[in-house]
C-alpha cells in the first residue's frame, strides 16, 4: 500500500523508491523493474482521472480523494500477478480502479 510521498520518495509495500534528481530510481528491486512499473502506471493515468471524475460528479466525493484512491488501486493492481485470460488487462485495471472508488465511497458514507 502507498504510505508516503515526500522529498522525491514513495513508500509502497514496505519498499522505498527514491528519485535522484529525476534521473534515476533506486530500490530493493532492480531499477529497471521500478522504471517499467512507473511507465505502466503513467500510461494508465487517464483511466484513473476519468474514473475519478465520473464518481466524483455522481456522488459528490472530493475529486482529489478519488484520484488518490484510484492511483493506490492502480499501484496495487499493477503489482498483483495478473493471469486471467478471460478479461483483457485494460478491463481488469478499469474494474479494479472503479471497485476501489466505489468501496471508498461506501465506507465514507
PDB file of N, CA and C in Angstrom:
ATOM      1  N   UNK A   1       0.838  -1.177   0.000  1.00  0.00           N
ATOM      2  CA  UNK A   1       0.000   0.000   0.000  1.00  0.00           C
ATOM      3  C   UNK A   1       0.882   1.239   0.000  1.00  0.00           C
ATOM      4  N   UNK A   2       0.467   2.250  -0.709  1.00  0.00           N
ATOM      5  CA  UNK A   2       1.172   3.515  -0.748  1.00  0.00           C
ATOM      6  C   UNK A   2       1.046   4.168   0.608  1.00  0.00           C
ATOM      7  N   UNK A   3       2.180   4.461   1.245  1.00  0.00           N
ATOM      8  CA  UNK A   3       2.124   5.013   2.587  1.00  0.00           C
ATOM      9  C   UNK A   3       2.635   6.439   2.677  1.00  0.00           C
ATOM     10  N   UNK A   4       3.506   6.844   1.765  1.00  0.00           N
ATOM     11  CA  UNK A   4       4.041   8.192   1.876  1.00  0.00           C
ATOM     12  C   UNK A   4       4.647   8.639   0.557  1.00  0.00           C
ATOM     13  N   UNK A   5       4.455   9.912   0.243  1.00  0.00           N
ATOM     14  CA  UNK A   5       5.130  10.524  -0.895  1.00  0.00           C
ATOM     15  C   UNK A   5       5.745  11.813  -0.380  1.00  0.00           C
ATOM     16  N   UNK A   6       7.061  11.908  -0.389  1.00  0.00           N
ATOM     17  CA  UNK A   6       7.702  13.133   0.072  1.00  0.00           C
ATOM     18  C   UNK A   6       9.146  13.190  -0.393  1.00  0.00           C
ATOM     19  N   UNK A   7       9.617  14.389  -0.619  1.00  0.00           N
ATOM     20  CA  UNK A   7      11.019  14.641  -0.945  1.00  0.00           C
ATOM     21  C   UNK A   7      11.600  13.680  -1.975  1.00  0.00           C
ATOM     22  N   UNK A   8      10.866  13.437  -3.027  1.00  0.00           N
ATOM     23  CA  UNK A   8      11.367  12.582  -4.086  1.00  0.00           C
ATOM     24  C   UNK A   8      11.345  11.101  -3.790  1.00  0.00           C
ATOM     25  N   UNK A   9      10.569  10.680  -2.787  1.00  0.00           N
ATOM     26  CA  UNK A   9      10.497   9.261  -2.449  1.00  0.00           C
ATOM     27  C   UNK A   9       9.053   8.820  -2.337  1.00  0.00           C
ATOM     28  N   UNK A  10       8.809   7.568  -2.652  1.00  0.00           N
ATOM     29  CA  UNK A  10       7.495   6.966  -2.493  1.00  0.00           C
ATOM     30  C   UNK A  10       7.677   5.695  -1.680  1.00  0.00           C
ATOM     31  N   UNK A  11       6.954   5.586  -0.567  1.00  0.00           N
ATOM     32  CA  UNK A  11       6.986   4.352   0.220  1.00  0.00           C
ATOM     33  C   UNK A  11       5.788   3.516  -0.193  1.00  0.00           C
ATOM     34  N   UNK A  12       6.044   2.281  -0.609  1.00  0.00           N
ATOM     35  CA  UNK A  12       4.983   1.412  -1.102  1.00  0.00           C
ATOM     36  C   UNK A  12       5.308  -0.019  -0.729  1.00  0.00           C
ATOM     37  N   UNK A  13       4.360  -0.676  -0.015  1.00  0.00           N
ATOM     38  CA  UNK A  13       4.546  -2.066   0.393  1.00  0.00           C
ATOM     39  C   UNK A  13       5.888  -2.291   1.075  1.00  0.00           C
ATOM     40  N   UNK A  14       6.216  -1.437   2.029  1.00  0.00           N
ATOM     41  CA  UNK A  14       7.457  -1.531   2.800  1.00  0.00           C
ATOM     42  C   UNK A  14       8.714  -1.413   1.949  1.00  0.00           C
ATOM     43  N   UNK A  15       8.595  -0.911   0.732  1.00  0.00           N
ATOM     44  CA  UNK A  15       9.747  -0.658  -0.125  1.00  0.00           C
ATOM     45  C   UNK A  15       9.793   0.824  -0.410  1.00  0.00           C
ATOM     46  N   UNK A  16      10.973   1.379  -0.468  1.00  0.00           N
ATOM     47  CA  UNK A  16      11.124   2.804  -0.713  1.00  0.00           C
ATOM     48  C   UNK A  16      11.696   3.005  -2.112  1.00  0.00           C
ATOM     49  N   UNK A  17      11.022   3.816  -2.922  1.00  0.00           N
ATOM     50  CA  UNK A  17      11.508   4.184  -4.236  1.00  0.00           C
ATOM     51  C   UNK A  17      12.025   5.606  -4.130  1.00  0.00           C
ATOM     52  N   UNK A  18      13.275   5.833  -4.493  1.00  0.00           N
ATOM     53  CA  UNK A  18      13.863   7.165  -4.408  1.00  0.00           C
ATOM     54  C   UNK A  18      14.169   7.672  -5.811  1.00  0.00           C
ATOM     55  N   UNK A  19      13.869   8.939  -6.033  1.00  0.00           N
ATOM     56  CA  UNK A  19      14.110   9.553  -7.324  1.00  0.00           C
ATOM     57  C   UNK A  19      15.280  10.505  -7.169  1.00  0.00           C
ATOM     58  N   UNK A  20      16.347  10.281  -7.913  1.00  0.00           N
ATOM     59  CA  UNK A  20      17.550  11.091  -7.823  1.00  0.00           C
ATOM     60  C   UNK A  20      17.525  12.164  -8.895  1.00  0.00           C
ATOM     61  N   UNK A  21      17.086  13.332  -8.540  1.00  0.00           N
ATOM     62  CA  UNK A  21      17.035  14.474  -9.449  1.00  0.00           C
ATOM     63  C   UNK A  21      16.322  14.160 -10.758  1.00  0.00           C
ATOM     64  N   UNK A  22      15.345  13.264 -10.702  1.00  0.00           N
ATOM     65  CA  UNK A  22      14.594  12.925 -11.890  1.00  0.00           C
ATOM     66  C   UNK A  22      15.354  12.054 -12.877  1.00  0.00           C
ATOM     67  N   UNK A  23      16.562  11.625 -12.513  1.00  0.00           N
ATOM     68  CA  UNK A  23      17.383  10.856 -13.440  1.00  0.00           C
ATOM     69  C   UNK A  23      17.242   9.361 -13.209  1.00  0.00           C
ATOM     70  N   UNK A  24      17.321   8.938 -11.960  1.00  0.00           N
ATOM     71  CA  UNK A  24      17.299   7.513 -11.696  1.00  0.00           C
ATOM     72  C   UNK A  24      16.390   7.155 -10.544  1.00  0.00           C
ATOM     73  N   UNK A  25      16.107   5.890 -10.423  1.00  0.00           N
ATOM     74  CA  UNK A  25      15.269   5.377  -9.353  1.00  0.00           C
ATOM     75  C   UNK A  25      16.030   4.230  -8.696  1.00  0.00           C
ATOM     76  N   UNK A  26      16.051   4.232  -7.364  1.00  0.00           N
ATOM     77  CA  UNK A  26      16.721   3.137  -6.670  1.00  0.00           C
ATOM     78  C   UNK A  26      15.729   2.445  -5.761  1.00  0.00           C
ATOM     79  N   UNK A  27      15.931   1.170  -5.559  1.00  0.00           N
ATOM     80  CA  UNK A  27      15.027   0.360  -4.744  1.00  0.00           C
ATOM     81  C   UNK A  27      15.682  -0.963  -4.452  1.00  0.00           C
ATOM     82  N   UNK A  28      15.035  -1.757  -3.583  1.00  0.00           N
ATOM     83  CA  UNK A  28      15.489  -3.117  -3.342  1.00  0.00           C
ATOM     84  C   UNK A  28      15.348  -3.931  -4.621  1.00  0.00           C
ATOM     85  N   UNK A  29      14.328  -3.632  -5.410  1.00  0.00           N
ATOM     86  CA  UNK A  29      14.166  -4.268  -6.713  1.00  0.00           C
ATOM     87  C   UNK A  29      15.136  -3.612  -7.680  1.00  0.00           C
ATOM     88  N   UNK A  30      15.308  -4.176  -8.832  1.00  0.00           N
ATOM     89  CA  UNK A  30      16.191  -3.543  -9.803  1.00  0.00           C
ATOM     90  C   UNK A  30      15.558  -2.253 -10.319  1.00  0.00           C
ATOM     91  N   UNK A  31      16.397  -1.335 -10.695  1.00  0.00           N
ATOM     92  CA  UNK A  31      15.918  -0.049 -11.209  1.00  0.00           C
ATOM     93  C   UNK A  31      15.067  -0.225 -12.456  1.00  0.00           C
ATOM     94  N   UNK A  32      15.373  -1.220 -13.261  1.00  0.00           N
ATOM     95  CA  UNK A  32      14.604  -1.464 -14.484  1.00  0.00           C
ATOM     96  C   UNK A  32      13.174  -1.856 -14.140  1.00  0.00           C
ATOM     97  N   UNK A  33      12.995  -2.728 -13.154  1.00  0.00           N
ATOM     98  CA  UNK A  33      11.657  -3.129 -12.735  1.00  0.00           C
ATOM     99  C   UNK A  33      10.847  -1.930 -12.260  1.00  0.00           C
ATOM    100  N   UNK A  34      11.465  -1.075 -11.476  1.00  0.00           N
ATOM    101  CA  UNK A  34      10.789   0.096 -10.932  1.00  0.00           C
ATOM    102  C   UNK A  34      10.420   1.062 -12.042  1.00  0.00           C
ATOM    103  N   UNK A  35      11.340   1.318 -12.953  1.00  0.00           N
ATOM    104  CA  UNK A  35      11.047   2.230 -14.064  1.00  0.00           C
ATOM    105  C   UNK A  35       9.929   1.684 -14.947  1.00  0.00           C
ATOM    106  N   UNK A  36       9.942   0.391 -15.191  1.00  0.00           N
ATOM    107  CA  UNK A  36       8.888  -0.216 -16.008  1.00  0.00           C
ATOM    108  C   UNK A  36       7.535  -0.079 -15.316  1.00  0.00           C
ATOM    109  N   UNK A  37       7.508  -0.285 -14.012  1.00  0.00           N
ATOM    110  CA  UNK A  37       6.260  -0.146 -13.262  1.00  0.00           C
ATOM    111  C   UNK A  37       5.771   1.307 -13.299  1.00  0.00           C
ATOM    112  N   UNK A  38       6.676   2.265 -13.146  1.00  0.00           N
ATOM    113  CA  UNK A  38       6.291   3.673 -13.207  1.00  0.00           C
ATOM    114  C   UNK A  38       5.765   4.048 -14.595  1.00  0.00           C
ATOM    115  N   UNK A  39       6.365   3.507 -15.646  1.00  0.00           N
ATOM    116  CA  UNK A  39       5.866   3.757 -17.010  1.00  0.00           C
ATOM    117  C   UNK A  39       4.462   3.192 -17.190  1.00  0.00           C
ATOM    118  N   UNK A  40       4.237   2.004 -16.655  1.00  0.00           N
ATOM    119  CA  UNK A  40       2.922   1.376 -16.752  1.00  0.00           C
ATOM    120  C   UNK A  40       1.876   2.211 -16.015  1.00  0.00           C
ATOM    121  N   UNK A  41       2.203   2.658 -14.819  1.00  0.00           N
ATOM    122  CA  UNK A  41       1.284   3.488 -14.043  1.00  0.00           C
ATOM    123  C   UNK A  41       1.007   4.796 -14.773  1.00  0.00           C
ATOM    124  N   UNK A  42       2.044   5.406 -15.322  1.00  0.00           N
ATOM    125  CA  UNK A  42       1.870   6.663 -16.062  1.00  0.00           C
ATOM    126  C   UNK A  42       0.959   6.462 -17.279  1.00  0.00           C
ATOM    127  N   UNK A  43       1.068   5.318 -17.930  1.00  0.00           N
ATOM    128  CA  UNK A  43       0.262   5.084 -19.130  1.00  0.00           C
ATOM    129  C   UNK A  43      -1.228   4.942 -18.816  1.00  0.00           C
ATOM    130  N   UNK A  44      -1.570   4.640 -17.563  1.00  0.00           N
ATOM    131  CA  UNK A  44      -2.978   4.487 -17.182  1.00  0.00           C
ATOM    132  C   UNK A  44      -3.495   5.666 -16.356  1.00  0.00           C
ATOM    133  N   UNK A  45      -2.777   6.776 -16.367  1.00  0.00           N
ATOM    134  CA  UNK A  45      -3.200   7.971 -15.632  1.00  0.00           C
ATOM    135  C   UNK A  45      -4.562   8.470 -16.115  1.00  0.00           C
ATOM    136  N   UNK A  46      -4.799   8.477 -17.412  1.00  0.00           N
ATOM    137  CA  UNK A  46      -6.078   8.949 -17.957  1.00  0.00           C
ATOM    138  C   UNK A  46      -7.250   8.107 -17.443  1.00  0.00           C
ATOM    139  N   UNK A  47      -7.030   6.818 -17.300  1.00  0.00           N
ATOM    140  CA  UNK A  47      -8.076   5.935 -16.781  1.00  0.00           C
ATOM    141  C   UNK A  47      -8.432   6.313 -15.338  1.00  0.00           C
ATOM    142  N   UNK A  48      -7.415   6.580 -14.529  1.00  0.00           N
ATOM    143  CA  UNK A  48      -7.659   6.977 -13.133  1.00  0.00           C
ATOM    144  C   UNK A  48      -8.413   8.297 -13.085  1.00  0.00           C
ATOM    145  N   UNK A  49      -7.980   9.270 -13.856  1.00  0.00           N
ATOM    146  CA  UNK A  49      -8.604  10.601 -13.848  1.00  0.00           C
ATOM    147  C   UNK A  49     -10.050  10.526 -14.332  1.00  0.00           C
ATOM    148  N   UNK A  50     -10.299   9.809 -15.419  1.00  0.00           N
ATOM    149  CA  UNK A  50     -11.671   9.739 -15.937  1.00  0.00           C
ATOM    150  C   UNK A  50     -12.602   9.023 -14.958  1.00  0.00           C
ATOM    151  N   UNK A  51     -12.116   7.963 -14.322  1.00  0.00           N
ATOM    152  CA  UNK A  51     -12.937   7.271 -13.330  1.00  0.00           C
ATOM    153  C   UNK A  51     -13.188   8.158 -12.119  1.00  0.00           C
ATOM    154  N   UNK A  52     -12.170   8.899 -11.700  1.00  0.00           N
ATOM    155  CA  UNK A  52     -12.320   9.802 -10.554  1.00  0.00           C
ATOM    156  C   UNK A  52     -13.331  10.899 -10.862  1.00  0.00           C
ATOM    157  N   UNK A  53     -13.272  11.466 -12.061  1.00  0.00           N
ATOM    158  CA  UNK A  53     -14.241  12.491 -12.462  1.00  0.00           C
ATOM    159  C   UNK A  53     -15.659  11.929 -12.464  1.00  0.00           C
ATOM    160  N   UNK A  54     -15.797  10.728 -12.987  1.00  0.00           N
ATOM    161  CA  UNK A  54     -17.109  10.076 -13.059  1.00  0.00           C
ATOM    162  C   UNK A  54     -17.707   9.911 -11.664  1.00  0.00           C
ATOM    163  N   UNK A  55     -16.965   9.297 -10.759  1.00  0.00           N
ATOM    164  CA  UNK A  55     -17.507   9.018  -9.425  1.00  0.00           C
ATOM    165  C   UNK A  55     -17.608  10.261  -8.556  1.00  0.00           C
ATOM    166  N   UNK A  56     -16.725  11.215  -8.769  1.00  0.00           N
ATOM    167  CA  UNK A  56     -16.811  12.463  -8.015  1.00  0.00           C
ATOM    168  C   UNK A  56     -18.062  13.247  -8.393  1.00  0.00           C
ATOM    169  N   UNK A  57     -18.345  13.309  -9.691  1.00  0.00           N
ATOM    170  CA  UNK A  57     -19.531  14.054 -10.130  1.00  0.00           C
ATOM    171  C   UNK A  57     -20.825  13.330  -9.761  1.00  0.00           C
ATOM    172  N   UNK A  58     -20.813  12.001  -9.764  1.00  0.00           N
ATOM    173  CA  UNK A  58     -22.020  11.238  -9.432  1.00  0.00           C
ATOM    174  C   UNK A  58     -22.332  11.251  -7.942  1.00  0.00           C
ATOM    175  N   UNK A  59     -21.292  11.286  -7.116  1.00  0.00           N
ATOM    176  CA  UNK A  59     -21.509  11.116  -5.672  1.00  0.00           C
ATOM    177  C   UNK A  59     -21.204  12.348  -4.841  1.00  0.00           C
ATOM    178  N   UNK A  60     -20.513  13.301  -5.413  1.00  0.00           N
ATOM    179  CA  UNK A  60     -20.115  14.480  -4.640  1.00  0.00           C
ATOM    180  C   UNK A  60     -18.869  14.253  -3.809  1.00  0.00           C
ATOM    181  N   UNK A  61     -18.220  13.102  -3.966  1.00  0.00           N
ATOM    182  CA  UNK A  61     -16.970  12.831  -3.247  1.00  0.00           C
ATOM    183  C   UNK A  61     -15.887  13.766  -3.777  1.00  0.00           C
ATOM    184  N   UNK A  62     -14.953  14.188  -2.924  1.00  0.00           N
ATOM    185  CA  UNK A  62     -13.889  15.096  -3.387  1.00  0.00           C
ATOM    186  C   UNK A  62     -13.052  14.463  -4.502  1.00  0.00           C
ATOM    187  N   UNK A  63     -12.860  15.214  -5.566  1.00  0.00           N
ATOM    188  CA  UNK A  63     -12.125  14.714  -6.722  1.00  0.00           C
ATOM    189  C   UNK A  63     -10.707  14.297  -6.341  1.00  0.00           C
ATOM    190  N   UNK A  64     -10.027  15.090  -5.548  1.00  0.00           N
ATOM    191  CA  UNK A  64      -8.653  14.754  -5.175  1.00  0.00           C
ATOM    192  C   UNK A  64      -8.587  13.433  -4.415  1.00  0.00           C
ATOM    193  N   UNK A  65      -9.563  13.188  -3.572  1.00  0.00           N
ATOM    194  CA  UNK A  65      -9.585  11.927  -2.824  1.00  0.00           C
ATOM    195  C   UNK A  65      -9.829  10.748  -3.764  1.00  0.00           C
ATOM    196  N   UNK A  66     -10.714  10.932  -4.733  1.00  0.00           N
ATOM    197  CA  UNK A  66     -10.988   9.863  -5.685  1.00  0.00           C
ATOM    198  C   UNK A  66      -9.748   9.560  -6.534  1.00  0.00           C
ATOM    199  N   UNK A  67      -8.997  10.595  -6.890  1.00  0.00           N
ATOM    200  CA  UNK A  67      -7.765  10.399  -7.654  1.00  0.00           C
ATOM    201  C   UNK A  67      -6.755   9.606  -6.822  1.00  0.00           C
ATOM    202  N   UNK A  68      -6.622   9.956  -5.549  1.00  0.00           N
ATOM    203  CA  UNK A  68      -5.701   9.222  -4.671  1.00  0.00           C
ATOM    204  C   UNK A  68      -6.095   7.754  -4.563  1.00  0.00           C
ATOM    205  N   UNK A  69      -7.371   7.510  -4.348  1.00  0.00           N
ATOM    206  CA  UNK A  69      -7.868   6.130  -4.249  1.00  0.00           C
ATOM    207  C   UNK A  69      -7.589   5.384  -5.556  1.00  0.00           C
ATOM    208  N   UNK A  70      -7.800   6.051  -6.677  1.00  0.00           N
ATOM    209  CA  UNK A  70      -7.561   5.435  -7.974  1.00  0.00           C
ATOM    210  C   UNK A  70      -6.108   5.066  -8.200  1.00  0.00           C
ATOM    211  N   UNK A  71      -5.193   5.939  -7.820  1.00  0.00           N
ATOM    212  CA  UNK A  71      -3.776   5.636  -8.005  1.00  0.00           C
ATOM    213  C   UNK A  71      -3.289   4.540  -7.067  1.00  0.00           C
ATOM    214  N   UNK A  72      -3.780   4.532  -5.846  1.00  0.00           N
ATOM    215  CA  UNK A  72      -3.414   3.440  -4.931  1.00  0.00           C
ATOM    216  C   UNK A  72      -3.898   2.111  -5.490  1.00  0.00           C
ATOM    217  N   UNK A  73      -5.134   2.091  -6.002  1.00  0.00           N
ATOM    218  CA  UNK A  73      -5.668   0.865  -6.611  1.00  0.00           C
ATOM    219  C   UNK A  73      -4.843   0.459  -7.826  1.00  0.00           C
ATOM    220  N   UNK A  74      -4.484   1.427  -8.657  1.00  0.00           N
ATOM    221  CA  UNK A  74      -3.686   1.129  -9.850  1.00  0.00           C
ATOM    222  C   UNK A  74      -2.338   0.538  -9.464  1.00  0.00           C
ATOM    223  N   UNK A  75      -1.700   1.094  -8.454  1.00  0.00           N
ATOM    224  CA  UNK A  75      -0.404   0.574  -7.999  1.00  0.00           C
ATOM    225  C   UNK A  75      -0.551  -0.855  -7.481  1.00  0.00           C
ATOM    226  N   UNK A  76      -1.595  -1.093  -6.706  1.00  0.00           N
ATOM    227  CA  UNK A  76      -1.823  -2.455  -6.196  1.00  0.00           C
ATOM    228  C   UNK A  76      -2.102  -3.431  -7.340  1.00  0.00           C
ATOM    229  N   UNK A  77      -2.923  -3.013  -8.293  1.00  0.00           N
ATOM    230  CA  UNK A  77      -3.287  -3.890  -9.407  1.00  0.00           C
ATOM    231  C   UNK A  77      -2.092  -4.209 -10.301  1.00  0.00           C
ATOM    232  N   UNK A  78      -1.215  -3.228 -10.532  1.00  0.00           N
ATOM    233  CA  UNK A  78      -0.040  -3.485 -11.362  1.00  0.00           C
ATOM    234  C   UNK A  78       0.971  -4.351 -10.632  1.00  0.00           C
ATOM    235  N   UNK A  79       0.908  -4.371  -9.300  1.00  0.00           N
ATOM    236  CA  UNK A  79       1.805  -5.219  -8.510  1.00  0.00           C
ATOM    237  C   UNK A  79       1.287  -6.648  -8.414  1.00  0.00           C
ATOM    238  N   UNK A  80      -0.011  -6.818  -8.591  1.00  0.00           N
ATOM    239  CA  UNK A  80      -0.615  -8.152  -8.479  1.00  0.00           C
ATOM    240  C   UNK A  80      -0.205  -9.011  -9.667  1.00  0.00           C
ATOM    241  N   UNK A  81      -0.248 -10.294  -9.464  1.00  0.00           N
ATOM    242  CA  UNK A  81       0.082 -11.232 -10.529  1.00  0.00           C
ATOM    243  C   UNK A  81      -1.159 -11.469 -11.387  1.00  0.00           C
ATOM    244  N   UNK A  82      -1.246 -10.777 -12.514  1.00  0.00           N
ATOM    245  CA  UNK A  82      -2.396 -10.891 -13.409  1.00  0.00           C
ATOM    246  C   UNK A  82      -2.221 -12.103 -14.312  1.00  0.00           C
ATOM    247  N   UNK A  83      -3.165 -13.036 -14.251  1.00  0.00           N
ATOM    248  CA  UNK A  83      -3.056 -14.224 -15.099  1.00  0.00           C
ATOM    249  C   UNK A  83      -4.403 -14.648 -15.686  1.00  0.00           C
ATOM    250  N   UNK A  84      -5.394 -13.782 -15.625  1.00  0.00           N
ATOM    251  CA  UNK A  84      -6.726 -14.118 -16.132  1.00  0.00           C
ATOM    252  C   UNK A  84      -6.764 -13.915 -17.647  1.00  0.00           C
ATOM    253  N   UNK A  85      -7.020 -14.973 -18.376  1.00  0.00           N
ATOM    254  CA  UNK A  85      -7.067 -14.861 -19.834  1.00  0.00           C
ATOM    255  C   UNK A  85      -8.468 -14.540 -20.347  1.00  0.00           C
ATOM    256  N   UNK A  86      -9.456 -14.521 -19.451  1.00  0.00           N
ATOM    257  CA  UNK A  86     -10.829 -14.245 -19.869  1.00  0.00           C
ATOM    258  C   UNK A  86     -11.129 -12.754 -19.969  1.00  0.00           C
ATOM    259  N   UNK A  87     -10.277 -11.922 -19.461  1.00  0.00           N
ATOM    260  CA  UNK A  87     -10.505 -10.477 -19.481  1.00  0.00           C
ATOM    261  C   UNK A  87      -9.192  -9.787 -19.847  1.00  0.00           C
ATOM    262  N   UNK A  88      -9.271  -8.776 -20.705  1.00  0.00           N
ATOM    263  CA  UNK A  88      -8.033  -8.113 -21.100  1.00  0.00           C
ATOM    264  C   UNK A  88      -7.525  -7.214 -19.968  1.00  0.00           C
ATOM    265  N   UNK A  89      -6.265  -6.862 -20.028  1.00  0.00           N
ATOM    266  CA  UNK A  89      -5.597  -6.149 -18.939  1.00  0.00           C
ATOM    267  C   UNK A  89      -6.210  -4.771 -18.700  1.00  0.00           C
ATOM    268  N   UNK A  90      -6.579  -4.060 -19.759  1.00  0.00           N
ATOM    269  CA  UNK A  90      -7.201  -2.738 -19.607  1.00  0.00           C
ATOM    270  C   UNK A  90      -8.513  -2.833 -18.828  1.00  0.00           C
ATOM    271  N   UNK A  91      -9.309  -3.811 -19.179  1.00  0.00           N
ATOM    272  CA  UNK A  91     -10.603  -4.006 -18.496  1.00  0.00           C
ATOM    273  C   UNK A  91     -10.384  -4.399 -17.034  1.00  0.00           C
ATOM    274  N   UNK A  92      -9.399  -5.255 -16.792  1.00  0.00           N
ATOM    275  CA  UNK A  92      -9.031  -5.665 -15.432  1.00  0.00           C
ATOM    276  C   UNK A  92      -8.684  -4.446 -14.580  1.00  0.00           C
ATOM    277  N   UNK A  93      -7.865  -3.544 -15.127  1.00  0.00           N
ATOM    278  CA  UNK A  93      -7.480  -2.337 -14.384  1.00  0.00           C
ATOM    279  C   UNK A  93      -8.678  -1.425 -14.155  1.00  0.00           C
ATOM    280  N   UNK A  94      -9.495  -1.235 -15.179  1.00  0.00           N
ATOM    281  CA  UNK A  94     -10.664  -0.359 -15.045  1.00  0.00           C
ATOM    282  C   UNK A  94     -11.620  -0.876 -13.963  1.00  0.00           C
ATOM    283  N   UNK A  95     -11.902  -2.158 -13.975  1.00  0.00           N
ATOM    284  CA  UNK A  95     -12.788  -2.746 -12.968  1.00  0.00           C
ATOM    285  C   UNK A  95     -12.189  -2.592 -11.575  1.00  0.00           C
ATOM    286  N   UNK A  96     -10.908  -2.865 -11.435  1.00  0.00           N
ATOM    287  CA  UNK A  96     -10.254  -2.760 -10.134  1.00  0.00           C
ATOM    288  C   UNK A  96     -10.247  -1.343  -9.587  1.00  0.00           C
ATOM    289  N   UNK A  97      -9.963  -0.372 -10.439  1.00  0.00           N
ATOM    290  CA  UNK A  97      -9.941   1.036 -10.021  1.00  0.00           C
ATOM    291  C   UNK A  97     -11.338   1.489  -9.626  1.00  0.00           C
ATOM    292  N   UNK A  98     -12.327   1.176 -10.454  1.00  0.00           N
ATOM    293  CA  UNK A  98     -13.695   1.598 -10.142  1.00  0.00           C
ATOM    294  C   UNK A  98     -14.229   0.910  -8.892  1.00  0.00           C
ATOM    295  N   UNK A  99     -13.892  -0.358  -8.680  1.00  0.00           N
ATOM    296  CA  UNK A  99     -14.303  -1.039  -7.448  1.00  0.00           C
ATOM    297  C   UNK A  99     -13.693  -0.389  -6.217  1.00  0.00           C
ATOM    298  N   UNK A 100     -12.432   0.006  -6.308  1.00  0.00           N
ATOM    299  CA  UNK A 100     -11.779   0.675  -5.180  1.00  0.00           C
ATOM    300  C   UNK A 100     -12.468   2.004  -4.870  1.00  0.00           C
ATOM    301  N   UNK A 101     -12.843   2.736  -5.903  1.00  0.00           N
ATOM    302  CA  UNK A 101     -13.541   4.006  -5.697  1.00  0.00           C
ATOM    303  C   UNK A 101     -14.916   3.800  -5.085  1.00  0.00           C
ATOM    304  N   UNK A 102     -15.642   2.799  -5.567  1.00  0.00           N
ATOM    305  CA  UNK A 102     -16.966   2.516  -5.002  1.00  0.00           C
ATOM    306  C   UNK A 102     -16.849   2.059  -3.543  1.00  0.00           C
ATOM    307  N   UNK A 103     -15.844   1.238  -3.243  1.00  0.00           N
ATOM    308  CA  UNK A 103     -15.622   0.822  -1.855  1.00  0.00           C
ATOM    309  C   UNK A 103     -15.336   2.019  -0.964  1.00  0.00           C
ATOM    310  N   UNK A 104     -14.503   2.930  -1.459  1.00  0.00           N
ATOM    311  CA  UNK A 104     -14.179   4.119  -0.680  1.00  0.00           C
ATOM    312  C   UNK A 104     -15.434   4.949  -0.402  1.00  0.00           C
ATOM    313  N   UNK A 105     -16.262   5.131  -1.435  1.00  0.00           N
ATOM    314  CA  UNK A 105     -17.482   5.917  -1.280  1.00  0.00           C
ATOM    315  C   UNK A 105     -18.412   5.261  -0.270  1.00  0.00           C
ATOM    316  N   UNK A 106     -18.583   3.949  -0.358  1.00  0.00           N
ATOM    317  CA  UNK A 106     -19.452   3.238   0.587  1.00  0.00           C
ATOM    318  C   UNK A 106     -18.938   3.327   2.011  1.00  0.00           C
ATOM    319  N   UNK A 107     -17.646   3.253   2.211  1.00  0.00           N
ATOM    320  CA  UNK A 107     -17.069   3.327   3.542  1.00  0.00           C
ATOM    321  C   UNK A 107     -17.137   4.742   4.126  1.00  0.00           C
ATOM    322  N   UNK A 108     -17.183   5.745   3.266  1.00  0.00           N
ATOM    323  CA  UNK A 108     -17.187   7.125   3.759  1.00  0.00           C
ATOM    324  C   UNK A 108     -18.587   7.677   3.994  1.00  0.00           C
ATOM    325  N   UNK A 109     -19.610   6.883   3.693  1.00  0.00           N
ATOM    326  CA  UNK A 109     -20.985   7.348   3.904  1.00  0.00           C
ATOM    327  C   UNK A 109     -21.374   7.166   5.359  1.00  0.00           C
TER     328      UNK A 109
END
